[in-house]
Amino acid sequence: MSEITTRDAARDGSPRDAVRDSARDSAMSVAAISSERPESDDNVWTRRLVLFLRVMALLSILKGLYHWAQVTGFVGGEDEAFENQSMAWQAATVYFAVIELVAAVGLWLATPWGAVVWLTTVVSMAVIELMFPGIYGGSLIVVGVEAFMLAAYLALAWMAARERPP
């Protein structure tokens, strides 16, 4: 009697069990065939937010690699070498070289800490450009772009939060 498995017991069961097992098997096979999730408009703003975060992640990677290229000397001439710059410029460049790449990882994964680190980089760059123009030149264009990205993130995050029930 111990050799009878649960499958054999189910096979010997009622016809209703066989119909239920057949329906479950066909539903599982249909689910396995369809690799795409059903498209619904329920999470449209959340998908847009994740797309925005991924684009910002790619930009953060580029910015971080640019800062590392400045540190290592891959960009700029001998007059613009890392060691010839002021201590404030060097500190800011190393800071952004590290934090931009950390933010990029978090943004790509769409984690809450990634957004926080990215927001820190955005605010830091705007503050350096506005309050300390001697470091990077005080470009208002950079501040405007950073402010636009921040506003876009806040708008998308707000719309995505409205999609989810409280």
C-alpha atoms as a PDB file:
ATOM      1  CA  MET A   1       0.000   0.000   0.000  1.00  0.00           C
ATOM      2  CA  SER A   2       2.921   2.315   0.622  1.00  0.00           C
ATOM      3  CA  GLU A   3       3.930   2.053  -3.030  1.00  0.00           C
ATOM      4  CA  ILE A   4       0.831   3.949  -4.128  1.00  0.00           C
ATOM      5  CA  THR A   5       1.784   7.547  -4.804  1.00  0.00           C
ATOM      6  CA  THR A   6      -0.450  10.531  -4.515  1.00  0.00           C
ATOM      7  CA  ARG A   7      -0.657  10.680  -8.305  1.00  0.00           C
ATOM      8  CA  ASP A   8      -1.995   7.122  -8.389  1.00  0.00           C
ATOM      9  CA  ALA A   9      -4.461   8.007  -5.665  1.00  0.00           C
ATOM     10  CA  ALA A  10      -5.616  11.029  -7.660  1.00  0.00           C
ATOM     11  CA  ARG A  11      -5.932   8.872 -10.765  1.00  0.00           C
ATOM     12  CA  ASP A  12      -8.153   6.470  -8.883  1.00  0.00           C
ATOM     13  CA  GLY A  13     -10.234   9.382  -7.517  1.00  0.00           C
ATOM     14  CA  SER A  14     -13.504  10.781  -8.726  1.00  0.00           C
ATOM     15  CA  PRO A  15     -14.101  12.097 -12.268  1.00  0.00           C
ATOM     16  CA  ARG A  16     -14.448  15.574 -10.800  1.00  0.00           C
ATOM     17  CA  ASP A  17     -10.806  15.413  -9.656  1.00  0.00           C
ATOM     18  CA  ALA A  18      -9.737  14.376 -13.157  1.00  0.00           C
ATOM     19  CA  VAL A  19     -11.586  17.340 -14.726  1.00  0.00           C
ATOM     20  CA  ARG A  20     -10.048  19.740 -12.217  1.00  0.00           C
ATOM     21  CA  ASP A  21      -6.547  18.342 -12.847  1.00  0.00           C
ATOM     22  CA  SER A  22      -7.077  18.597 -16.600  1.00  0.00           C
ATOM     23  CA  ALA A  23      -8.223  22.214 -16.338  1.00  0.00           C
ATOM     24  CA  ARG A  24      -5.264  23.092 -14.114  1.00  0.00           C
ATOM     25  CA  ASP A  25      -2.804  21.438 -16.507  1.00  0.00           C
ATOM     26  CA  SER A  26      -4.209  23.274 -19.525  1.00  0.00           C
ATOM     27  CA  ALA A  27      -4.152  26.597 -17.653  1.00  0.00           C
ATOM     28  CA  MET A  28      -0.523  26.051 -16.651  1.00  0.00           C
ATOM     29  CA  SER A  29       0.458  25.159 -20.213  1.00  0.00           C
ATOM     30  CA  VAL A  30      -1.227  28.296 -21.591  1.00  0.00           C
ATOM     31  CA  ALA A  31       0.521  30.408 -18.959  1.00  0.00           C
ATOM     32  CA  ALA A  32       3.852  28.840 -19.885  1.00  0.00           C
ATOM     33  CA  ILE A  33       3.326  29.561 -23.584  1.00  0.00           C
ATOM     34  CA  SER A  34       2.567  33.228 -23.156  1.00  0.00           C
ATOM     35  CA  SER A  35       5.847  34.829 -22.167  1.00  0.00           C
ATOM     36  CA  GLU A  36       4.476  38.351 -22.253  1.00  0.00           C
ATOM     37  CA  ARG A  37       2.552  39.757 -19.349  1.00  0.00           C
ATOM     38  CA  PRO A  38      -0.898  40.965 -20.260  1.00  0.00           C
ATOM     39  CA  GLU A  39      -0.789  44.611 -21.166  1.00  0.00           C
ATOM     40  CA  SER A  40      -2.929  46.717 -18.908  1.00  0.00           C
ATOM     41  CA  ASP A  41      -3.211  50.417 -18.381  1.00  0.00           C
ATOM     42  CA  ASP A  42      -3.250  49.961 -14.623  1.00  0.00           C
ATOM     43  CA  ASN A  43       0.440  50.784 -14.157  1.00  0.00           C
ATOM     44  CA  VAL A  44       1.157  53.127 -17.040  1.00  0.00           C
ATOM     45  CA  TRP A  45       2.716  55.838 -14.839  1.00  0.00           C
ATOM     46  CA  THR A  46       4.770  53.301 -12.928  1.00  0.00           C
ATOM     47  CA  ARG A  47       6.168  51.967 -16.206  1.00  0.00           C
ATOM     48  CA  ARG A  48       6.956  55.512 -17.311  1.00  0.00           C
ATOM     49  CA  LEU A  49       8.702  56.181 -14.012  1.00  0.00           C
ATOM     50  CA  VAL A  50      10.826  53.044 -14.367  1.00  0.00           C
ATOM     51  CA  LEU A  51      11.707  54.026 -17.944  1.00  0.00           C
ATOM     52  CA  PHE A  52      12.707  57.495 -16.726  1.00  0.00           C
ATOM     53  CA  LEU A  53      14.828  55.937 -13.975  1.00  0.00           C
ATOM     54  CA  ARG A  54      16.582  53.716 -16.513  1.00  0.00           C
ATOM     55  CA  VAL A  55      17.344  56.685 -18.777  1.00  0.00           C
ATOM     56  CA  MET A  56      18.666  58.614 -15.777  1.00  0.00           C
ATOM     57  CA  ALA A  57      20.759  55.555 -14.874  1.00  0.00           C
ATOM     58  CA  LEU A  58      22.391  55.608 -18.297  1.00  0.00           C
ATOM     59  CA  LEU A  59      23.075  59.339 -17.982  1.00  0.00           C
ATOM     60  CA  SER A  60      24.506  58.793 -14.507  1.00  0.00           C
ATOM     61  CA  ILE A  61      26.829  56.109 -15.864  1.00  0.00           C
ATOM     62  CA  LEU A  62      28.047  58.488 -18.550  1.00  0.00           C
ATOM     63  CA  LYS A  63      28.542  61.312 -16.049  1.00  0.00           C
ATOM     64  CA  GLY A  64      30.323  59.029 -13.588  1.00  0.00           C
ATOM     65  CA  LEU A  65      32.637  57.656 -16.267  1.00  0.00           C
ATOM     66  CA  TYR A  66      33.363  61.189 -17.456  1.00  0.00           C
ATOM     67  CA  HIS A  67      34.383  62.200 -13.941  1.00  0.00           C
ATOM     68  CA  TRP A  68      36.591  59.111 -13.662  1.00  0.00           C
ATOM     69  CA  ALA A  69      38.113  59.989 -17.034  1.00  0.00           C
ATOM     70  CA  GLN A  70      38.969  63.399 -15.588  1.00  0.00           C
ATOM     71  CA  VAL A  71      40.534  61.819 -12.515  1.00  0.00           C
ATOM     72  CA  THR A  72      42.596  59.344 -14.538  1.00  0.00           C
ATOM     73  CA  GLY A  73      43.584  61.829 -17.226  1.00  0.00           C
ATOM     74  CA  PHE A  74      41.779  60.304 -20.200  1.00  0.00           C
ATOM     75  CA  VAL A  75      40.130  63.633 -21.041  1.00  0.00           C
ATOM     76  CA  GLY A  76      41.679  67.092 -21.117  1.00  0.00           C
ATOM     77  CA  GLY A  77      45.142  68.297 -21.822  1.00  0.00           C
ATOM     78  CA  GLU A  78      48.156  68.703 -19.589  1.00  0.00           C
ATOM     79  CA  ASP A  79      46.915  72.086 -18.359  1.00  0.00           C
ATOM     80  CA  GLU A  80      43.618  70.472 -17.334  1.00  0.00           C
ATOM     81  CA  ALA A  81      45.226  67.503 -15.570  1.00  0.00           C
ATOM     82  CA  PHE A  82      43.690  66.371 -12.293  1.00  0.00           C
ATOM     83  CA  GLU A  83      46.751  67.231 -10.239  1.00  0.00           C
ATOM     84  CA  ASN A  84      46.850  70.771 -11.644  1.00  0.00           C
ATOM     85  CA  GLN A  85      43.314  71.570 -10.452  1.00  0.00           C
ATOM     86  CA  SER A  86      42.308  73.136  -7.135  1.00  0.00           C
ATOM     87  CA  MET A  87      41.638  70.948  -4.122  1.00  0.00           C
ATOM     88  CA  ALA A  88      37.924  71.861  -4.234  1.00  0.00           C
ATOM     89  CA  TRP A  89      37.682  70.794  -7.892  1.00  0.00           C
ATOM     90  CA  GLN A  90      39.490  67.525  -7.155  1.00  0.00           C
ATOM     91  CA  ALA A  91      37.230  66.734  -4.189  1.00  0.00           C
ATOM     92  CA  ALA A  92      34.061  67.510  -6.141  1.00  0.00           C
ATOM     93  CA  THR A  93      35.212  65.465  -9.142  1.00  0.00           C
ATOM     94  CA  VAL A  94      36.035  62.389  -7.043  1.00  0.00           C
ATOM     95  CA  TYR A  95      32.740  62.778  -5.169  1.00  0.00           C
ATOM     96  CA  PHE A  96      30.737  62.827  -8.398  1.00  0.00           C
ATOM     97  CA  ALA A  97      32.827  60.037  -9.945  1.00  0.00           C
ATOM     98  CA  VAL A  98      31.785  57.725  -7.124  1.00  0.00           C
ATOM     99  CA  ILE A  99      28.242  58.858  -6.354  1.00  0.00           C
ATOM    100  CA  GLU A 100      27.070  59.000  -9.981  1.00  0.00           C
ATOM    101  CA  LEU A 101      27.953  55.332 -10.533  1.00  0.00           C
ATOM    102  CA  VAL A 102      26.334  54.289  -7.246  1.00  0.00           C
ATOM    103  CA  ALA A 103      23.214  56.223  -8.230  1.00  0.00           C
ATOM    104  CA  ALA A 104      23.232  54.564 -11.656  1.00  0.00           C
ATOM    105  CA  VAL A 105      23.075  51.086 -10.136  1.00  0.00           C
ATOM    106  CA  GLY A 106      20.226  52.047  -7.830  1.00  0.00           C
ATOM    107  CA  LEU A 107      18.318  53.794 -10.594  1.00  0.00           C
ATOM    108  CA  TRP A 108      18.655  50.877 -12.988  1.00  0.00           C
ATOM    109  CA  LEU A 109      17.285  48.540 -10.335  1.00  0.00           C
ATOM    110  CA  ALA A 110      14.520  51.071  -9.562  1.00  0.00           C
ATOM    111  CA  THR A 111      15.244  50.884  -5.850  1.00  0.00           C
ATOM    112  CA  PRO A 112      14.244  53.598  -3.379  1.00  0.00           C
ATOM    113  CA  TRP A 113      17.856  54.130  -2.301  1.00  0.00           C
ATOM    114  CA  GLY A 114      18.841  54.637  -5.937  1.00  0.00           C
ATOM    115  CA  ALA A 115      16.410  57.513  -6.265  1.00  0.00           C
ATOM    116  CA  VAL A 116      17.677  59.021  -3.008  1.00  0.00           C
ATOM    117  CA  VAL A 117      21.316  58.812  -4.125  1.00  0.00           C
ATOM    118  CA  TRP A 118      20.385  60.255  -7.529  1.00  0.00           C
ATOM    119  CA  LEU A 119      18.488  63.106  -5.878  1.00  0.00           C
ATOM    120  CA  THR A 120      21.595  63.744  -3.778  1.00  0.00           C
ATOM    121  CA  THR A 121      23.712  64.026  -6.921  1.00  0.00           C
ATOM    122  CA  VAL A 122      21.222  66.370  -8.582  1.00  0.00           C
ATOM    123  CA  VAL A 123      21.007  68.677  -5.582  1.00  0.00           C
ATOM    124  CA  SER A 124      24.776  68.513  -5.001  1.00  0.00           C
ATOM    125  CA  MET A 125      25.549  69.523  -8.573  1.00  0.00           C
ATOM    126  CA  ALA A 126      23.040  72.379  -8.471  1.00  0.00           C
ATOM    127  CA  VAL A 127      24.449  73.647  -5.164  1.00  0.00           C
ATOM    128  CA  ILE A 128      28.040  73.481  -6.421  1.00  0.00           C
ATOM    129  CA  GLU A 129      27.124  75.323  -9.597  1.00  0.00           C
ATOM    130  CA  LEU A 130      25.125  78.013  -7.778  1.00  0.00           C
ATOM    131  CA  MET A 131      26.972  78.454  -4.484  1.00  0.00           C
ATOM    132  CA  PHE A 132      30.523  77.643  -5.534  1.00  0.00           C
ATOM    133  CA  PRO A 133      30.910  78.848  -9.128  1.00  0.00           C
ATOM    134  CA  GLY A 134      34.707  78.707  -8.829  1.00  0.00           C
ATOM    135  CA  ILE A 135      34.696  74.902  -8.835  1.00  0.00           C
ATOM    136  CA  TYR A 136      32.921  74.062 -12.107  1.00  0.00           C
ATOM    137  CA  GLY A 137      32.177  77.506 -13.506  1.00  0.00           C
ATOM    138  CA  GLY A 138      28.660  78.217 -12.241  1.00  0.00           C
ATOM    139  CA  SER A 139      26.735  77.188 -15.349  1.00  0.00           C
ATOM    140  CA  LEU A 140      23.058  78.076 -15.140  1.00  0.00           C
ATOM    141  CA  ILE A 141      22.367  75.643 -17.983  1.00  0.00           C
ATOM    142  CA  VAL A 142      23.530  72.758 -15.784  1.00  0.00           C
ATOM    143  CA  VAL A 143      21.319  74.012 -12.948  1.00  0.00           C
ATOM    144  CA  GLY A 144      18.353  74.282 -15.326  1.00  0.00           C
ATOM    145  CA  VAL A 145      18.840  70.755 -16.668  1.00  0.00           C
ATOM    146  CA  GLU A 146      19.184  69.365 -13.135  1.00  0.00           C
ATOM    147  CA  ALA A 147      16.030  71.237 -12.042  1.00  0.00           C
ATOM    148  CA  PHE A 148      14.119  69.920 -15.066  1.00  0.00           C
ATOM    149  CA  MET A 149      15.180  66.322 -14.323  1.00  0.00           C
ATOM    150  CA  LEU A 150      14.188  66.754 -10.678  1.00  0.00           C
ATOM    151  CA  ALA A 151      10.777  68.153 -11.641  1.00  0.00           C
ATOM    152  CA  ALA A 152      10.220  65.327 -14.133  1.00  0.00           C
ATOM    153  CA  TYR A 153      11.080  62.729 -11.502  1.00  0.00           C
ATOM    154  CA  LEU A 154       8.775  64.290  -8.915  1.00  0.00           C
ATOM    155  CA  ALA A 155       5.893  64.497 -11.403  1.00  0.00           C
ATOM    156  CA  LEU A 156       6.313  60.885 -12.527  1.00  0.00           C
ATOM    157  CA  ALA A 157       6.677  59.634  -8.952  1.00  0.00           C
ATOM    158  CA  TRP A 158       3.535  61.512  -7.935  1.00  0.00           C
ATOM    159  CA  MET A 159       1.517  60.117 -10.856  1.00  0.00           C
ATOM    160  CA  ALA A 160       2.821  56.596 -10.195  1.00  0.00           C
ATOM    161  CA  ALA A 161       1.863  56.894  -6.506  1.00  0.00           C
ATOM    162  CA  ARG A 162      -1.670  57.911  -7.499  1.00  0.00           C
ATOM    163  CA  GLU A 163      -2.083  54.633  -9.436  1.00  0.00           C
ATOM    164  CA  ARG A 164      -1.594  52.500  -6.332  1.00  0.00           C
ATOM    165  CA  PRO A 165      -4.376  52.229  -3.789  1.00  0.00           C
ATOM    166  CA  PRO A 166      -3.587  53.556  -0.298  1.00  0.00           C
END
